[in-house]
Amino acid sequence: MKNSILYLILFATSIGSLVAQDAEPSKNKFGAILSINIFGFNDDFNKVDVGGGFYFSRKISKRVSIYTEIDGSSRNYGDLALMPGQRGEFTTGNLAVYIGPMFDIGKKSNLSSGLAQNYLFSSDLKTTTGTKDVSSETTNYSSLYFDFRHQISNIISLGTRYEWGLNSMFKSIDRKVSTISFTAIIQFGKKSNL
């Protein structure tokens, strides 16, 4: 999967350089993202965490951009049974890298979808008798994402993202990860419409 990410970055860079003469500097966007994330639809819907990061998009045609984002959050996956004798609330730090095409739909809205690579750290299983480090039982995972956002002012947009894990988050069991995020996007630099 790491090779897939590298190929996507290489592809995005190649496309960006090929159409650089058509993309005006003002069409490039950079900013911050703040998100409220709801995790684990199959476990406990009430697990909510806050995340944030930065994004960059480069317009390659009138309505299409290459979108990249890096963000971090704490992740809580509810009451889990990792293996016989180990059950509890699983919490971990998460760093995610997103890449994919973004399509302008109208003057103030856009859609994007693509691939995300999630890196986990500080894995803890909180049981009734204490906290156990289960980092050896977890693995980084990849996911697909679908994102919709709408611009409400010159520099602020609101969005919703759905993310679905492609491979197991745990080495010991086959477990998929579902996430829905509600985001506020703040654009830095020159104010412009989408």
C-alpha atoms as a PDB file:
ATOM      1  CA  MET A   1       0.000   0.000   0.000  1.00  0.00           C
ATOM      2  CA  LYS A   2       2.933   2.348   0.612  1.00  0.00           C
ATOM      3  CA  ASN A   3       3.901   1.854  -3.039  1.00  0.00           C
ATOM      4  CA  SER A   4       0.378   2.899  -4.036  1.00  0.00           C
ATOM      5  CA  ILE A   5       0.732   6.128  -2.054  1.00  0.00           C
ATOM      6  CA  LEU A   6       4.092   6.837  -3.675  1.00  0.00           C
ATOM      7  CA  TYR A   7       2.626   6.197  -7.137  1.00  0.00           C
ATOM      8  CA  LEU A   8      -0.287   8.536  -6.416  1.00  0.00           C
ATOM      9  CA  ILE A   9       2.055  11.297  -5.220  1.00  0.00           C
ATOM     10  CA  LEU A  10       4.257  10.806  -8.296  1.00  0.00           C
ATOM     11  CA  PHE A  11       1.188  10.899 -10.548  1.00  0.00           C
ATOM     12  CA  ALA A  12      -0.137  14.075  -8.879  1.00  0.00           C
ATOM     13  CA  THR A  13       3.265  15.760  -9.127  1.00  0.00           C
ATOM     14  CA  SER A  14       3.599  14.795 -12.795  1.00  0.00           C
ATOM     15  CA  ILE A  15       0.140  16.086 -13.671  1.00  0.00           C
ATOM     16  CA  GLY A  16       0.826  19.293 -11.746  1.00  0.00           C
ATOM     17  CA  SER A  17       4.061  19.925 -13.600  1.00  0.00           C
ATOM     18  CA  LEU A  18       2.528  19.120 -16.999  1.00  0.00           C
ATOM     19  CA  VAL A  19      -0.244  21.650 -16.585  1.00  0.00           C
ATOM     20  CA  ALA A  20       1.655  24.236 -14.542  1.00  0.00           C
ATOM     21  CA  GLN A  21       1.374  26.757 -17.352  1.00  0.00           C
ATOM     22  CA  ASP A  22      -2.433  26.482 -17.182  1.00  0.00           C
ATOM     23  CA  ALA A  23      -2.707  26.779 -13.399  1.00  0.00           C
ATOM     24  CA  GLU A  24      -2.515  30.318 -12.124  1.00  0.00           C
ATOM     25  CA  PRO A  25      -0.827  30.770  -8.726  1.00  0.00           C
ATOM     26  CA  SER A  26      -4.081  32.166  -7.291  1.00  0.00           C
ATOM     27  CA  LYS A  27      -5.764  28.832  -8.104  1.00  0.00           C
ATOM     28  CA  ASN A  28      -3.524  27.008  -5.629  1.00  0.00           C
ATOM     29  CA  LYS A  29      -5.040  26.802  -2.172  1.00  0.00           C
ATOM     30  CA  PHE A  30      -3.501  26.194   1.212  1.00  0.00           C
ATOM     31  CA  GLY A  31      -5.182  26.201   4.588  1.00  0.00           C
ATOM     32  CA  ALA A  32      -6.122  24.510   7.826  1.00  0.00           C
ATOM     33  CA  ILE A  33      -8.786  21.946   8.665  1.00  0.00           C
ATOM     34  CA  LEU A  34     -10.516  21.387  11.991  1.00  0.00           C
ATOM     35  CA  SER A  35     -12.697  18.303  12.321  1.00  0.00           C
ATOM     36  CA  ILE A  36     -15.087  16.533  14.647  1.00  0.00           C
ATOM     37  CA  ASN A  37     -14.790  12.801  14.010  1.00  0.00           C
ATOM     38  CA  ILE A  38     -17.286  10.046  14.811  1.00  0.00           C
ATOM     39  CA  PHE A  39     -15.730   6.581  14.776  1.00  0.00           C
ATOM     40  CA  GLY A  40     -16.670   2.930  14.708  1.00  0.00           C
ATOM     41  CA  PHE A  41     -20.173   2.584  13.304  1.00  0.00           C
ATOM     42  CA  ASN A  42     -20.073  -1.131  14.133  1.00  0.00           C
ATOM     43  CA  ASP A  43     -19.174  -0.550  17.795  1.00  0.00           C
ATOM     44  CA  ASP A  44     -20.151   2.618  19.614  1.00  0.00           C
ATOM     45  CA  PHE A  45     -21.600   5.559  17.675  1.00  0.00           C
ATOM     46  CA  ASN A  46     -20.980   7.953  20.560  1.00  0.00           C
ATOM     47  CA  LYS A  47     -17.189   8.061  20.238  1.00  0.00           C
ATOM     48  CA  VAL A  48     -16.362  11.612  19.144  1.00  0.00           C
ATOM     49  CA  ASP A  49     -12.889  13.143  18.861  1.00  0.00           C
ATOM     50  CA  VAL A  50     -11.428  16.356  17.488  1.00  0.00           C
ATOM     51  CA  GLY A  51      -8.688  16.472  14.854  1.00  0.00           C
ATOM     52  CA  GLY A  52      -6.943  18.993  12.657  1.00  0.00           C
ATOM     53  CA  GLY A  53      -4.292  19.545  10.035  1.00  0.00           C
ATOM     54  CA  PHE A  54      -3.363  21.289   6.805  1.00  0.00           C
ATOM     55  CA  TYR A  55      -4.344  20.929   3.156  1.00  0.00           C
ATOM     56  CA  PHE A  56      -3.003  21.969  -0.232  1.00  0.00           C
ATOM     57  CA  SER A  57      -4.786  21.797  -3.572  1.00  0.00           C
ATOM     58  CA  ARG A  58      -3.491  22.593  -7.043  1.00  0.00           C
ATOM     59  CA  LYS A  59      -5.917  23.338  -9.852  1.00  0.00           C
ATOM     60  CA  ILE A  60      -5.099  21.356 -12.996  1.00  0.00           C
ATOM     61  CA  SER A  61      -8.114  22.401 -15.084  1.00  0.00           C
ATOM     62  CA  LYS A  62     -11.097  24.712 -14.786  1.00  0.00           C
ATOM     63  CA  ARG A  63     -13.005  22.380 -12.446  1.00  0.00           C
ATOM     64  CA  VAL A  64     -10.470  19.776 -11.284  1.00  0.00           C
ATOM     65  CA  SER A  65      -7.750  20.023  -8.629  1.00  0.00           C
ATOM     66  CA  ILE A  66      -5.341  17.587  -7.025  1.00  0.00           C
ATOM     67  CA  TYR A  67      -6.070  17.623  -3.298  1.00  0.00           C
ATOM     68  CA  THR A  68      -3.633  16.629  -0.530  1.00  0.00           C
ATOM     69  CA  GLU A  69      -4.070  16.795   3.228  1.00  0.00           C
ATOM     70  CA  ILE A  70      -2.228  15.742   6.368  1.00  0.00           C
ATOM     71  CA  ASP A  71      -3.956  15.708   9.724  1.00  0.00           C
ATOM     72  CA  GLY A  72      -3.874  14.126  13.138  1.00  0.00           C
ATOM     73  CA  SER A  73      -6.380  13.121  15.778  1.00  0.00           C
ATOM     74  CA  SER A  74      -6.925  10.828  18.700  1.00  0.00           C
ATOM     75  CA  ARG A  75      -9.053   7.828  17.823  1.00  0.00           C
ATOM     76  CA  ASN A  76     -11.405   5.924  20.080  1.00  0.00           C
ATOM     77  CA  TYR A  77     -12.974   2.715  18.805  1.00  0.00           C
ATOM     78  CA  GLY A  78     -15.326   1.772  21.616  1.00  0.00           C
ATOM     79  CA  ASP A  79     -15.534  -1.511  23.502  1.00  0.00           C
ATOM     80  CA  LEU A  80     -13.455  -4.095  21.622  1.00  0.00           C
ATOM     81  CA  ALA A  81     -12.423  -7.707  22.015  1.00  0.00           C
ATOM     82  CA  LEU A  82      -8.903  -7.864  20.540  1.00  0.00           C
ATOM     83  CA  MET A  83      -8.289 -11.482  21.468  1.00  0.00           C
ATOM     84  CA  PRO A  84      -9.402 -13.966  24.148  1.00  0.00           C
ATOM     85  CA  GLY A  85      -8.881 -12.382  27.560  1.00  0.00           C
ATOM     86  CA  GLN A  86      -8.327  -8.862  26.196  1.00  0.00           C
ATOM     87  CA  ARG A  87     -11.344  -6.619  26.007  1.00  0.00           C
ATOM     88  CA  GLY A  88     -11.762  -2.903  26.555  1.00  0.00           C
ATOM     89  CA  GLU A  89     -11.858   0.580  25.081  1.00  0.00           C
ATOM     90  CA  PHE A  90      -9.215   1.055  22.377  1.00  0.00           C
ATOM     91  CA  THR A  91      -7.640   4.511  21.972  1.00  0.00           C
ATOM     92  CA  THR A  92      -4.791   5.525  19.689  1.00  0.00           C
ATOM     93  CA  GLY A  93      -3.181   8.546  18.074  1.00  0.00           C
ATOM     94  CA  ASN A  94      -3.642   8.820  14.324  1.00  0.00           C
ATOM     95  CA  LEU A  95      -1.780  10.638  11.543  1.00  0.00           C
ATOM     96  CA  ALA A  96      -3.497  10.509   8.147  1.00  0.00           C
ATOM     97  CA  VAL A  97      -2.334  11.541   4.663  1.00  0.00           C
ATOM     98  CA  TYR A  98      -5.030  12.088   2.014  1.00  0.00           C
ATOM     99  CA  ILE A  99      -4.625  12.437  -1.753  1.00  0.00           C
ATOM    100  CA  GLY A 100      -7.094  12.465  -4.615  1.00  0.00           C
ATOM    101  CA  PRO A 101      -8.882  14.558  -7.247  1.00  0.00           C
ATOM    102  CA  MET A 102     -11.263  17.353  -6.220  1.00  0.00           C
ATOM    103  CA  PHE A 103     -14.108  18.459  -8.498  1.00  0.00           C
ATOM    104  CA  ASP A 104     -15.755  21.884  -8.374  1.00  0.00           C
ATOM    105  CA  ILE A 105     -19.547  21.613  -8.570  1.00  0.00           C
ATOM    106  CA  GLY A 106     -20.972  25.069  -8.951  1.00  0.00           C
ATOM    107  CA  LYS A 107     -19.281  28.198  -7.661  1.00  0.00           C
ATOM    108  CA  LYS A 108     -19.228  27.350  -3.958  1.00  0.00           C
ATOM    109  CA  SER A 109     -19.147  23.558  -3.584  1.00  0.00           C
ATOM    110  CA  ASN A 110     -16.839  20.695  -4.436  1.00  0.00           C
ATOM    111  CA  LEU A 111     -16.478  16.947  -4.122  1.00  0.00           C
ATOM    112  CA  SER A 112     -13.367  14.861  -3.684  1.00  0.00           C
ATOM    113  CA  SER A 113     -12.550  11.198  -3.233  1.00  0.00           C
ATOM    114  CA  GLY A 114      -9.324   9.313  -2.993  1.00  0.00           C
ATOM    115  CA  LEU A 115      -6.979   7.286  -0.855  1.00  0.00           C
ATOM    116  CA  ALA A 116      -5.832   7.896   2.730  1.00  0.00           C
ATOM    117  CA  GLN A 117      -2.942   6.269   4.577  1.00  0.00           C
ATOM    118  CA  ASN A 118      -3.377   6.137   8.359  1.00  0.00           C
ATOM    119  CA  TYR A 119      -0.448   5.800  10.756  1.00  0.00           C
ATOM    120  CA  LEU A 120      -1.221   4.681  14.320  1.00  0.00           C
ATOM    121  CA  PHE A 121       0.819   5.377  17.445  1.00  0.00           C
ATOM    122  CA  SER A 122       0.412   5.234  21.255  1.00  0.00           C
ATOM    123  CA  SER A 123      -1.975   2.282  21.098  1.00  0.00           C
ATOM    124  CA  ASP A 124      -3.695   1.646  24.436  1.00  0.00           C
ATOM    125  CA  LEU A 125      -6.388  -0.815  25.495  1.00  0.00           C
ATOM    126  CA  LYS A 126      -8.209   0.499  28.562  1.00  0.00           C
ATOM    127  CA  THR A 127      -9.645  -2.451  30.469  1.00  0.00           C
ATOM    128  CA  THR A 128     -11.493  -2.643  33.767  1.00  0.00           C
ATOM    129  CA  THR A 129      -8.224  -3.575  35.482  1.00  0.00           C
ATOM    130  CA  GLY A 130      -5.928  -0.984  33.875  1.00  0.00           C
ATOM    131  CA  THR A 131      -4.322   0.105  30.600  1.00  0.00           C
ATOM    132  CA  LYS A 132      -2.393  -2.231  28.293  1.00  0.00           C
ATOM    133  CA  ASP A 133      -0.074  -1.243  25.435  1.00  0.00           C
ATOM    134  CA  VAL A 134      -1.322  -3.170  22.401  1.00  0.00           C
ATOM    135  CA  SER A 135       0.811  -1.476  19.736  1.00  0.00           C
ATOM    136  CA  SER A 136       2.129  -4.893  18.718  1.00  0.00           C
ATOM    137  CA  GLU A 137      -1.450  -5.898  17.836  1.00  0.00           C
ATOM    138  CA  THR A 138      -2.190  -2.878  15.621  1.00  0.00           C
ATOM    139  CA  THR A 139      -1.012  -1.954  12.163  1.00  0.00           C
ATOM    140  CA  ASN A 140      -1.187   1.129   9.969  1.00  0.00           C
ATOM    141  CA  TYR A 141      -4.080   0.959   7.528  1.00  0.00           C
ATOM    142  CA  SER A 142      -5.328   2.469   4.283  1.00  0.00           C
ATOM    143  CA  SER A 143      -8.800   3.766   3.552  1.00  0.00           C
ATOM    144  CA  LEU A 144     -10.953   5.303   0.843  1.00  0.00           C
ATOM    145  CA  TYR A 145     -12.581   8.660   1.526  1.00  0.00           C
ATOM    146  CA  PHE A 146     -15.426  10.711   0.048  1.00  0.00           C
ATOM    147  CA  ASP A 147     -15.596  14.427   0.880  1.00  0.00           C
ATOM    148  CA  PHE A 148     -18.192  17.150   0.229  1.00  0.00           C
ATOM    149  CA  ARG A 149     -17.650  20.796   1.195  1.00  0.00           C
ATOM    150  CA  HIS A 150     -19.475  24.094   0.707  1.00  0.00           C
ATOM    151  CA  GLN A 151     -17.979  27.586   0.906  1.00  0.00           C
ATOM    152  CA  ILE A 152     -19.865  29.871   3.328  1.00  0.00           C
ATOM    153  CA  SER A 153     -17.529  32.886   3.084  1.00  0.00           C
ATOM    154  CA  ASN A 154     -14.415  33.957   1.183  1.00  0.00           C
ATOM    155  CA  ILE A 155     -12.106  31.955   3.436  1.00  0.00           C
ATOM    156  CA  ILE A 156     -14.301  29.428   5.317  1.00  0.00           C
ATOM    157  CA  SER A 157     -15.938  26.232   4.069  1.00  0.00           C
ATOM    158  CA  LEU A 158     -17.868  23.509   5.888  1.00  0.00           C
ATOM    159  CA  GLY A 159     -17.643  19.868   4.891  1.00  0.00           C
ATOM    160  CA  THR A 160     -18.512  16.262   5.588  1.00  0.00           C
ATOM    161  CA  ARG A 161     -16.190  13.310   4.951  1.00  0.00           C
ATOM    162  CA  TYR A 162     -16.822   9.573   5.031  1.00  0.00           C
ATOM    163  CA  GLU A 163     -13.831   7.241   5.357  1.00  0.00           C
ATOM    164  CA  TRP A 164     -13.858   3.459   5.000  1.00  0.00           C
ATOM    165  CA  GLY A 165     -10.864   1.305   5.919  1.00  0.00           C
ATOM    166  CA  LEU A 166      -9.497  -1.058   3.271  1.00  0.00           C
ATOM    167  CA  ASN A 167      -7.481  -3.370   5.504  1.00  0.00           C
ATOM    168  CA  SER A 168      -7.476  -4.505   9.098  1.00  0.00           C
ATOM    169  CA  MET A 169      -6.488  -2.122  11.868  1.00  0.00           C
ATOM    170  CA  PHE A 170      -5.639  -5.104  14.070  1.00  0.00           C
ATOM    171  CA  LYS A 171      -3.227  -7.905  13.234  1.00  0.00           C
ATOM    172  CA  SER A 172      -5.150 -10.483  15.251  1.00  0.00           C
ATOM    173  CA  ILE A 173      -8.612  -9.934  13.747  1.00  0.00           C
ATOM    174  CA  ASP A 174     -10.111  -8.728  10.476  1.00  0.00           C
ATOM    175  CA  ARG A 175     -11.583  -5.364  11.438  1.00  0.00           C
ATOM    176  CA  LYS A 176     -12.572  -2.468   9.190  1.00  0.00           C
ATOM    177  CA  VAL A 177     -12.657   1.173  10.310  1.00  0.00           C
ATOM    178  CA  SER A 178     -15.478   3.566   9.427  1.00  0.00           C
ATOM    179  CA  THR A 179     -15.270   7.288  10.152  1.00  0.00           C
ATOM    180  CA  ILE A 180     -17.471  10.273   9.460  1.00  0.00           C
ATOM    181  CA  SER A 181     -16.045  13.767   9.977  1.00  0.00           C
ATOM    182  CA  PHE A 182     -17.640  17.202  10.053  1.00  0.00           C
ATOM    183  CA  THR A 183     -15.027  19.766   9.050  1.00  0.00           C
ATOM    184  CA  ALA A 184     -14.351  23.489   9.024  1.00  0.00           C
ATOM    185  CA  ILE A 185     -11.865  24.496   6.312  1.00  0.00           C
ATOM    186  CA  ILE A 186      -9.980  27.804   6.582  1.00  0.00           C
ATOM    187  CA  GLN A 187      -8.173  29.048   3.488  1.00  0.00           C
ATOM    188  CA  PHE A 188      -4.941  31.013   3.919  1.00  0.00           C
ATOM    189  CA  GLY A 189      -3.714  33.709   1.583  1.00  0.00           C
ATOM    190  CA  LYS A 190      -5.703  35.297  -1.230  1.00  0.00           C
ATOM    191  CA  LYS A 191      -9.488  35.204  -0.848  1.00  0.00           C
ATOM    192  CA  SER A 192     -11.242  33.629  -3.816  1.00  0.00           C
ATOM    193  CA  ASN A 193     -14.240  31.516  -4.720  1.00  0.00           C
ATOM    194  CA  LEU A 194     -13.873  27.779  -5.192  1.00  0.00           C
END
